[in-house]
Amino acid sequence: MPFCTQCGHQAATTDVFCASCGGKQTDAPSGNRWSGGSSTSNGAGADPLSGLTPRTASILCYIPTIGWIPAIIVLAARKFKADRMVRFHAFQGLYLFAAWLVVQWVVRPLSMTLPDHFVRLDRILEAAIIGVSIFMMVKASHNEPYVLPIIGELAQRSATEH
């Protein structure tokens, strides 16, 4: 059953005005004049990533500690399915995040057992990963593919597989 595009009240498909609020029912872009209660003019199949450029998508994949979220979204999106460069950056960002997790879950607990006068290896590795993330954000902003050692090669292989 359709709903009013203004107030969300149930209405008949033939109503031109809502019986509850009196709002005029406008046609949606798909030819259907009911938007299911939403007052937006986007169709039901509108792509939420339509405004996202490949360059921006690549940069977002390298945000330290949370870049895995846009990377997964990019890899799942139909828009970037054929864009090998964006997929490469998404996989490389995921693998960089996996390295971050190894430092957090393995190296940090091990370095906590060392006496205080030792240099904490986990802090050095965390700083290095953040530095690499920033470096990769700059490279991605210039549309330059830069293959990191080990994880970059894995990302290349992953990006070419479908």
N, C-alpha and C. Protein backbone atom coordinates (compact mmCIF):
# COMPACT_ATOMS: atom_id res chain seq x y z
N MET A 1 0.85 -1.17 0.00
CA MET A 1 0.00 0.00 0.00
C MET A 1 0.90 1.24 0.00
N PRO A 2 0.60 2.26 -0.82
CA PRO A 2 1.42 3.47 -0.90
C PRO A 2 1.20 4.38 0.31
N PHE A 3 2.15 5.28 0.49
CA PHE A 3 2.11 6.22 1.59
C PHE A 3 2.31 7.63 1.05
N CYS A 4 1.83 8.62 1.80
CA CYS A 4 1.96 10.03 1.43
C CYS A 4 3.44 10.41 1.43
N THR A 5 3.83 11.17 0.43
CA THR A 5 5.23 11.61 0.35
C THR A 5 5.55 12.72 1.32
N GLN A 6 4.52 13.32 1.95
CA GLN A 6 4.73 14.41 2.90
C GLN A 6 4.70 13.94 4.35
N CYS A 7 3.63 13.20 4.72
CA CYS A 7 3.45 12.84 6.13
C CYS A 7 3.58 11.34 6.40
N GLY A 8 3.57 10.51 5.35
CA GLY A 8 3.70 9.07 5.53
C GLY A 8 2.40 8.35 5.80
N HIS A 9 1.27 9.04 5.79
CA HIS A 9 -0.05 8.43 6.02
C HIS A 9 -0.40 7.52 4.85
N GLN A 10 -1.08 6.41 5.12
CA GLN A 10 -1.50 5.52 4.06
C GLN A 10 -2.49 6.22 3.14
N ALA A 11 -2.34 5.97 1.84
CA ALA A 11 -3.22 6.59 0.85
C ALA A 11 -3.48 5.60 -0.27
N ALA A 12 -4.46 5.90 -1.06
CA ALA A 12 -4.77 5.07 -2.22
C ALA A 12 -3.85 5.47 -3.37
N THR A 13 -3.62 4.55 -4.29
CA THR A 13 -2.73 4.83 -5.41
C THR A 13 -3.28 5.89 -6.36
N THR A 14 -4.58 6.13 -6.31
CA THR A 14 -5.19 7.12 -7.20
C THR A 14 -5.30 8.51 -6.59
N ASP A 15 -4.96 8.66 -5.29
CA ASP A 15 -5.07 9.96 -4.63
C ASP A 15 -4.08 10.95 -5.20
N VAL A 16 -4.55 12.15 -5.50
CA VAL A 16 -3.69 13.24 -5.95
C VAL A 16 -3.25 14.07 -4.76
N PHE A 17 -4.14 14.15 -3.71
CA PHE A 17 -3.83 14.86 -2.47
C PHE A 17 -4.00 13.90 -1.31
N CYS A 18 -3.19 14.08 -0.27
CA CYS A 18 -3.27 13.24 0.92
C CYS A 18 -4.51 13.61 1.72
N ALA A 19 -5.26 12.60 2.17
CA ALA A 19 -6.46 12.83 2.97
C ALA A 19 -6.11 13.32 4.37
N SER A 20 -4.90 13.06 4.84
CA SER A 20 -4.51 13.43 6.19
C SER A 20 -3.93 14.85 6.26
N CYS A 21 -2.94 15.14 5.41
CA CYS A 21 -2.26 16.45 5.48
C CYS A 21 -2.62 17.37 4.33
N GLY A 22 -3.21 16.84 3.27
CA GLY A 22 -3.58 17.66 2.12
C GLY A 22 -2.44 17.91 1.16
N GLY A 23 -1.29 17.29 1.40
CA GLY A 23 -0.12 17.49 0.54
C GLY A 23 -0.31 16.87 -0.82
N LYS A 24 0.14 17.57 -1.85
CA LYS A 24 0.04 17.07 -3.22
C LYS A 24 1.04 15.92 -3.39
N GLN A 25 0.60 14.86 -4.02
CA GLN A 25 1.44 13.70 -4.24
C GLN A 25 2.15 13.87 -5.58
N THR A 26 3.47 14.00 -5.53
CA THR A 26 4.26 14.23 -6.74
C THR A 26 4.76 12.93 -7.31
N ASP A 27 5.08 12.94 -8.60
CA ASP A 27 5.60 11.75 -9.26
C ASP A 27 7.05 11.56 -8.91
N ALA A 28 7.46 10.32 -8.64
CA ALA A 28 8.86 9.97 -8.41
C ALA A 28 9.55 9.79 -9.76
N PRO A 29 10.91 9.85 -9.83
CA PRO A 29 11.61 9.70 -11.10
C PRO A 29 11.32 8.39 -11.81
N SER A 30 10.95 7.35 -11.09
CA SER A 30 10.71 6.05 -11.71
C SER A 30 9.32 5.95 -12.33
N GLY A 31 8.53 7.02 -12.24
CA GLY A 31 7.19 6.99 -12.77
C GLY A 31 6.17 6.61 -11.71
N ASN A 32 6.61 6.12 -10.59
CA ASN A 32 5.75 5.77 -9.48
C ASN A 32 5.61 7.00 -8.61
N ARG A 33 4.39 7.37 -8.27
CA ARG A 33 4.26 8.59 -7.50
C ARG A 33 4.38 8.38 -6.01
N TRP A 34 4.66 7.18 -5.59
CA TRP A 34 4.79 6.91 -4.16
C TRP A 34 6.23 6.56 -3.85
N SER A 35 6.75 7.20 -2.81
CA SER A 35 8.14 6.95 -2.44
C SER A 35 8.24 6.11 -1.18
N GLY A 36 7.19 5.47 -0.77
CA GLY A 36 7.24 4.58 0.37
C GLY A 36 7.41 5.31 1.69
N GLY A 37 6.96 6.56 1.81
CA GLY A 37 7.06 7.28 3.06
C GLY A 37 8.26 8.18 3.13
N SER A 38 9.18 8.06 2.21
CA SER A 38 10.37 8.89 2.22
C SER A 38 10.12 10.14 1.40
N SER A 39 10.64 11.27 1.86
CA SER A 39 10.42 12.51 1.14
C SER A 39 11.56 12.82 0.19
N THR A 40 12.49 11.88 0.00
CA THR A 40 13.57 12.10 -0.93
C THR A 40 13.12 11.76 -2.33
N SER A 41 13.79 12.32 -3.32
CA SER A 41 13.41 12.05 -4.69
C SER A 41 14.26 10.94 -5.31
N ASN A 42 15.11 10.28 -4.51
CA ASN A 42 15.92 9.18 -5.03
C ASN A 42 15.05 7.97 -5.27
N GLY A 43 15.34 7.25 -6.34
CA GLY A 43 14.63 6.02 -6.60
C GLY A 43 15.08 4.95 -5.64
N ALA A 44 14.35 3.85 -5.57
CA ALA A 44 14.68 2.78 -4.65
C ALA A 44 16.03 2.15 -5.00
N GLY A 45 16.41 2.17 -6.27
CA GLY A 45 17.66 1.55 -6.68
C GLY A 45 18.80 2.54 -6.84
N ALA A 46 18.68 3.73 -6.28
CA ALA A 46 19.74 4.74 -6.42
C ALA A 46 21.02 4.26 -5.74
N ASP A 47 22.14 4.52 -6.37
CA ASP A 47 23.43 4.12 -5.84
C ASP A 47 23.92 5.16 -4.84
N PRO A 48 24.11 4.78 -3.57
CA PRO A 48 24.58 5.76 -2.58
C PRO A 48 26.03 6.21 -2.82
N LEU A 49 26.77 5.46 -3.62
CA LEU A 49 28.15 5.82 -3.92
C LEU A 49 28.31 6.57 -5.23
N SER A 50 27.20 7.02 -5.80
CA SER A 50 27.26 7.67 -7.12
C SER A 50 28.10 8.94 -7.12
N GLY A 51 28.16 9.65 -6.02
CA GLY A 51 28.94 10.88 -5.95
C GLY A 51 30.39 10.66 -5.55
N LEU A 52 30.78 9.44 -5.25
CA LEU A 52 32.13 9.12 -4.80
C LEU A 52 33.04 8.84 -5.98
N THR A 53 34.09 9.63 -6.11
CA THR A 53 35.03 9.43 -7.21
C THR A 53 35.98 8.30 -6.88
N PRO A 54 36.58 7.67 -7.89
CA PRO A 54 37.54 6.60 -7.62
C PRO A 54 38.73 7.09 -6.77
N ARG A 55 39.16 8.31 -7.00
CA ARG A 55 40.28 8.86 -6.23
C ARG A 55 39.92 8.98 -4.75
N THR A 56 38.73 9.50 -4.47
CA THR A 56 38.29 9.65 -3.08
C THR A 56 38.12 8.28 -2.43
N ALA A 57 37.56 7.34 -3.15
CA ALA A 57 37.38 5.99 -2.62
C ALA A 57 38.73 5.37 -2.26
N SER A 58 39.73 5.59 -3.11
CA SER A 58 41.06 5.05 -2.84
C SER A 58 41.67 5.68 -1.60
N ILE A 59 41.50 6.98 -1.44
CA ILE A 59 42.06 7.68 -0.28
C ILE A 59 41.41 7.20 1.01
N LEU A 60 40.10 7.02 1.01
CA LEU A 60 39.37 6.61 2.21
C LEU A 60 39.80 5.23 2.72
N CYS A 61 40.31 4.40 1.84
CA CYS A 61 40.73 3.05 2.24
C CYS A 61 41.97 3.05 3.13
N TYR A 62 42.67 4.16 3.22
CA TYR A 62 43.90 4.22 3.99
C TYR A 62 43.78 5.00 5.29
N ILE A 63 42.58 5.39 5.69
CA ILE A 63 42.42 6.12 6.95
C ILE A 63 42.89 5.21 8.09
N PRO A 64 43.84 5.67 8.90
CA PRO A 64 44.36 4.80 9.97
C PRO A 64 43.26 4.31 10.90
N THR A 65 43.28 3.07 11.22
CA THR A 65 42.42 2.30 12.12
C THR A 65 40.97 2.14 11.67
N ILE A 66 40.43 3.00 10.81
CA ILE A 66 39.04 2.82 10.36
C ILE A 66 38.92 2.69 8.85
N GLY A 67 40.03 2.67 8.15
CA GLY A 67 40.01 2.56 6.70
C GLY A 67 39.45 1.24 6.20
N TRP A 68 39.37 0.25 7.07
CA TRP A 68 38.81 -1.04 6.66
C TRP A 68 37.33 -0.93 6.33
N ILE A 69 36.63 0.02 6.94
CA ILE A 69 35.20 0.17 6.68
C ILE A 69 34.96 0.65 5.24
N PRO A 70 35.58 1.78 4.82
CA PRO A 70 35.38 2.16 3.42
C PRO A 70 35.97 1.14 2.44
N ALA A 71 37.03 0.44 2.83
CA ALA A 71 37.62 -0.56 1.94
C ALA A 71 36.63 -1.68 1.66
N ILE A 72 35.94 -2.14 2.67
CA ILE A 72 34.94 -3.20 2.48
C ILE A 72 33.77 -2.69 1.65
N ILE A 73 33.35 -1.45 1.91
CA ILE A 73 32.25 -0.87 1.14
C ILE A 73 32.64 -0.76 -0.33
N VAL A 74 33.86 -0.31 -0.58
CA VAL A 74 34.35 -0.17 -1.96
C VAL A 74 34.40 -1.53 -2.65
N LEU A 75 34.88 -2.54 -1.96
CA LEU A 75 34.97 -3.87 -2.57
C LEU A 75 33.60 -4.47 -2.82
N ALA A 76 32.61 -4.10 -2.02
CA ALA A 76 31.26 -4.64 -2.20
C ALA A 76 30.45 -3.84 -3.22
N ALA A 77 30.88 -2.65 -3.56
CA ALA A 77 30.11 -1.77 -4.44
C ALA A 77 30.21 -2.22 -5.90
N ARG A 78 29.08 -2.18 -6.58
CA ARG A 78 29.06 -2.49 -8.01
C ARG A 78 29.81 -1.43 -8.82
N LYS A 79 29.80 -0.21 -8.33
CA LYS A 79 30.42 0.89 -9.06
C LYS A 79 31.91 0.66 -9.29
N PHE A 80 32.62 0.07 -8.34
CA PHE A 80 34.06 -0.11 -8.43
C PHE A 80 34.47 -1.54 -8.76
N LYS A 81 33.52 -2.36 -9.13
CA LYS A 81 33.82 -3.77 -9.42
C LYS A 81 34.84 -3.93 -10.54
N ALA A 82 34.78 -3.08 -11.55
CA ALA A 82 35.69 -3.19 -12.70
C ALA A 82 36.90 -2.27 -12.58
N ASP A 83 36.94 -1.43 -11.56
CA ASP A 83 38.06 -0.48 -11.40
C ASP A 83 39.18 -1.15 -10.63
N ARG A 84 40.16 -1.66 -11.35
CA ARG A 84 41.25 -2.43 -10.75
C ARG A 84 42.08 -1.59 -9.78
N MET A 85 42.28 -0.30 -10.09
CA MET A 85 43.10 0.56 -9.24
C MET A 85 42.42 0.79 -7.88
N VAL A 86 41.14 1.06 -7.88
CA VAL A 86 40.43 1.29 -6.62
C VAL A 86 40.40 0.00 -5.81
N ARG A 87 40.17 -1.13 -6.48
CA ARG A 87 40.17 -2.41 -5.77
C ARG A 87 41.55 -2.71 -5.18
N PHE A 88 42.61 -2.37 -5.91
CA PHE A 88 43.96 -2.54 -5.39
C PHE A 88 44.15 -1.74 -4.10
N HIS A 89 43.74 -0.47 -4.12
CA HIS A 89 43.89 0.37 -2.93
C HIS A 89 43.04 -0.16 -1.77
N ALA A 90 41.85 -0.67 -2.08
CA ALA A 90 40.99 -1.21 -1.04
C ALA A 90 41.63 -2.44 -0.39
N PHE A 91 42.15 -3.34 -1.21
CA PHE A 91 42.81 -4.54 -0.65
C PHE A 91 44.07 -4.16 0.11
N GLN A 92 44.85 -3.25 -0.42
CA GLN A 92 46.08 -2.86 0.27
C GLN A 92 45.75 -2.17 1.59
N GLY A 93 44.68 -1.37 1.62
CA GLY A 93 44.23 -0.76 2.88
C GLY A 93 43.78 -1.80 3.88
N LEU A 94 43.09 -2.85 3.40
CA LEU A 94 42.68 -3.94 4.30
C LEU A 94 43.88 -4.69 4.87
N TYR A 95 44.85 -4.95 4.01
CA TYR A 95 46.04 -5.67 4.49
C TYR A 95 46.86 -4.80 5.45
N LEU A 96 46.87 -3.51 5.24
CA LEU A 96 47.55 -2.60 6.16
C LEU A 96 46.83 -2.61 7.51
N PHE A 97 45.51 -2.67 7.48
CA PHE A 97 44.75 -2.77 8.72
C PHE A 97 45.02 -4.11 9.41
N ALA A 98 45.18 -5.18 8.64
CA ALA A 98 45.51 -6.48 9.23
C ALA A 98 46.87 -6.42 9.93
N ALA A 99 47.81 -5.69 9.35
CA ALA A 99 49.11 -5.51 10.00
C ALA A 99 48.93 -4.75 11.32
N TRP A 100 48.04 -3.75 11.30
CA TRP A 100 47.75 -2.99 12.52
C TRP A 100 47.20 -3.91 13.60
N LEU A 101 46.29 -4.83 13.20
CA LEU A 101 45.72 -5.77 14.17
C LEU A 101 46.77 -6.71 14.75
N VAL A 102 47.70 -7.15 13.92
CA VAL A 102 48.77 -8.02 14.41
C VAL A 102 49.59 -7.28 15.47
N VAL A 103 49.88 -6.02 15.22
CA VAL A 103 50.62 -5.23 16.20
C VAL A 103 49.81 -5.10 17.49
N GLN A 104 48.52 -4.80 17.36
CA GLN A 104 47.68 -4.60 18.54
C GLN A 104 47.45 -5.88 19.34
N TRP A 105 47.24 -6.99 18.66
CA TRP A 105 46.84 -8.22 19.35
C TRP A 105 47.99 -9.17 19.66
N VAL A 106 49.13 -9.00 18.96
CA VAL A 106 50.24 -9.92 19.19
C VAL A 106 51.46 -9.20 19.75
N VAL A 107 51.92 -8.18 19.05
CA VAL A 107 53.16 -7.51 19.44
C VAL A 107 52.99 -6.72 20.73
N ARG A 108 51.88 -6.01 20.88
CA ARG A 108 51.66 -5.20 22.09
C ARG A 108 51.65 -6.05 23.35
N PRO A 109 50.87 -7.15 23.41
CA PRO A 109 50.91 -7.97 24.63
C PRO A 109 52.31 -8.54 24.92
N LEU A 110 53.04 -8.88 23.86
CA LEU A 110 54.40 -9.38 24.08
C LEU A 110 55.33 -8.29 24.61
N SER A 111 55.19 -7.08 24.06
CA SER A 111 56.08 -6.01 24.50
C SER A 111 55.70 -5.50 25.89
N MET A 112 54.48 -5.74 26.33
CA MET A 112 54.08 -5.34 27.68
C MET A 112 54.77 -6.20 28.74
N THR A 113 55.24 -7.38 28.36
CA THR A 113 55.91 -8.26 29.32
C THR A 113 57.36 -7.87 29.54
N LEU A 114 57.91 -7.03 28.66
CA LEU A 114 59.30 -6.61 28.80
C LEU A 114 59.44 -5.57 29.91
N PRO A 115 60.62 -5.50 30.52
CA PRO A 115 60.84 -4.46 31.54
C PRO A 115 60.72 -3.05 30.93
N ASP A 116 60.51 -2.06 31.77
CA ASP A 116 60.25 -0.69 31.32
C ASP A 116 61.42 -0.04 30.60
N HIS A 117 62.64 -0.48 30.82
CA HIS A 117 63.78 0.18 30.18
C HIS A 117 63.98 -0.24 28.72
N PHE A 118 63.20 -1.20 28.23
CA PHE A 118 63.27 -1.60 26.83
C PHE A 118 62.38 -0.69 25.97
N VAL A 119 62.81 -0.49 24.74
CA VAL A 119 61.99 0.27 23.80
C VAL A 119 60.80 -0.58 23.38
N ARG A 120 59.63 0.02 23.42
CA ARG A 120 58.42 -0.73 23.07
C ARG A 120 58.30 -0.84 21.57
N LEU A 121 58.45 -2.03 21.07
CA LEU A 121 58.39 -2.31 19.63
C LEU A 121 57.00 -2.01 19.07
N ASP A 122 55.96 -2.23 19.86
CA ASP A 122 54.61 -1.98 19.37
C ASP A 122 54.38 -0.51 19.04
N ARG A 123 54.95 0.38 19.82
CA ARG A 123 54.80 1.82 19.54
C ARG A 123 55.52 2.23 18.26
N ILE A 124 56.67 1.64 18.03
CA ILE A 124 57.43 1.93 16.81
C ILE A 124 56.66 1.42 15.59
N LEU A 125 56.13 0.20 15.69
CA LEU A 125 55.37 -0.37 14.58
C LEU A 125 54.07 0.39 14.32
N GLU A 126 53.40 0.83 15.38
CA GLU A 126 52.18 1.63 15.22
C GLU A 126 52.48 2.93 14.49
N ALA A 127 53.55 3.60 14.88
CA ALA A 127 53.94 4.85 14.22
C ALA A 127 54.30 4.60 12.76
N ALA A 128 54.97 3.49 12.49
CA ALA A 128 55.32 3.16 11.11
C ALA A 128 54.08 2.90 10.28
N ILE A 129 53.11 2.20 10.82
CA ILE A 129 51.88 1.90 10.07
C ILE A 129 51.09 3.18 9.82
N ILE A 130 51.02 4.07 10.79
CA ILE A 130 50.33 5.35 10.58
C ILE A 130 51.06 6.17 9.51
N GLY A 131 52.38 6.16 9.56
CA GLY A 131 53.16 6.87 8.54
C GLY A 131 52.94 6.30 7.15
N VAL A 132 52.90 4.99 7.04
CA VAL A 132 52.64 4.35 5.75
C VAL A 132 51.22 4.67 5.27
N SER A 133 50.26 4.70 6.19
CA SER A 133 48.88 5.05 5.81
C SER A 133 48.81 6.46 5.25
N ILE A 134 49.47 7.40 5.88
CA ILE A 134 49.48 8.78 5.39
C ILE A 134 50.18 8.86 4.04
N PHE A 135 51.30 8.16 3.91
CA PHE A 135 52.02 8.12 2.64
C PHE A 135 51.14 7.57 1.53
N MET A 136 50.40 6.51 1.84
CA MET A 136 49.53 5.90 0.83
C MET A 136 48.34 6.79 0.50
N MET A 137 47.86 7.56 1.47
CA MET A 137 46.79 8.52 1.18
C MET A 137 47.27 9.57 0.19
N VAL A 138 48.51 10.02 0.34
CA VAL A 138 49.08 11.00 -0.58
C VAL A 138 49.24 10.38 -1.97
N LYS A 139 49.76 9.16 -2.02
CA LYS A 139 49.94 8.48 -3.31
C LYS A 139 48.59 8.26 -4.00
N ALA A 140 47.59 7.85 -3.24
CA ALA A 140 46.26 7.62 -3.81
C ALA A 140 45.64 8.94 -4.28
N SER A 141 45.92 10.03 -3.58
CA SER A 141 45.36 11.32 -4.00
C SER A 141 45.96 11.80 -5.31
N HIS A 142 47.14 11.32 -5.65
CA HIS A 142 47.79 11.66 -6.92
C HIS A 142 47.56 10.58 -7.98
N ASN A 143 46.68 9.63 -7.69
CA ASN A 143 46.38 8.51 -8.59
C ASN A 143 47.62 7.72 -8.97
N GLU A 144 48.53 7.58 -8.03
CA GLU A 144 49.75 6.83 -8.26
C GLU A 144 49.66 5.48 -7.55
N PRO A 145 49.77 4.39 -8.29
CA PRO A 145 49.80 3.08 -7.62
C PRO A 145 51.17 2.86 -7.00
N TYR A 146 51.21 2.63 -5.72
CA TYR A 146 52.46 2.33 -5.04
C TYR A 146 52.26 0.99 -4.35
N VAL A 147 53.08 0.03 -4.73
CA VAL A 147 52.96 -1.32 -4.19
C VAL A 147 53.86 -1.44 -2.96
N LEU A 148 53.25 -1.60 -1.81
CA LEU A 148 54.00 -1.79 -0.58
C LEU A 148 54.62 -3.19 -0.58
N PRO A 149 55.75 -3.35 0.07
CA PRO A 149 56.34 -4.69 0.15
C PRO A 149 55.38 -5.68 0.83
N ILE A 150 55.35 -6.86 0.37
CA ILE A 150 54.55 -8.00 0.84
C ILE A 150 53.05 -7.75 0.70
N ILE A 151 52.47 -6.79 1.44
CA ILE A 151 51.02 -6.61 1.38
C ILE A 151 50.58 -6.02 0.04
N GLY A 152 51.42 -5.26 -0.61
CA GLY A 152 51.09 -4.70 -1.91
C GLY A 152 51.00 -5.77 -2.97
N GLU A 153 51.90 -6.74 -2.89
CA GLU A 153 51.87 -7.85 -3.84
C GLU A 153 50.60 -8.69 -3.64
N LEU A 154 50.23 -8.91 -2.38
CA LEU A 154 48.98 -9.62 -2.08
C LEU A 154 47.77 -8.83 -2.60
N ALA A 155 47.82 -7.52 -2.44
CA ALA A 155 46.72 -6.67 -2.90
C ALA A 155 46.60 -6.72 -4.42
N GLN A 156 47.73 -6.74 -5.12
CA GLN A 156 47.68 -6.84 -6.58
C GLN A 156 47.02 -8.13 -7.03
N ARG A 157 47.41 -9.23 -6.39
CA ARG A 157 46.81 -10.52 -6.73
C ARG A 157 45.32 -10.55 -6.40
N SER A 158 44.95 -9.99 -5.27
CA SER A 158 43.54 -9.96 -4.87
C SER A 158 42.71 -9.08 -5.78
N ALA A 159 43.27 -7.97 -6.23
CA ALA A 159 42.53 -7.03 -7.09
C ALA A 159 42.28 -7.61 -8.47
N THR A 160 43.16 -8.46 -8.94
CA THR A 160 42.99 -9.02 -10.29
C THR A 160 42.03 -10.20 -10.29
N GLU A 161 41.83 -10.84 -9.15
CA GLU A 161 40.89 -11.97 -9.06
C GLU A 161 39.48 -11.42 -8.91
N HIS A 162 38.53 -12.07 -9.52
CA HIS A 162 37.12 -11.66 -9.39
C HIS A 162 36.33 -12.77 -8.83
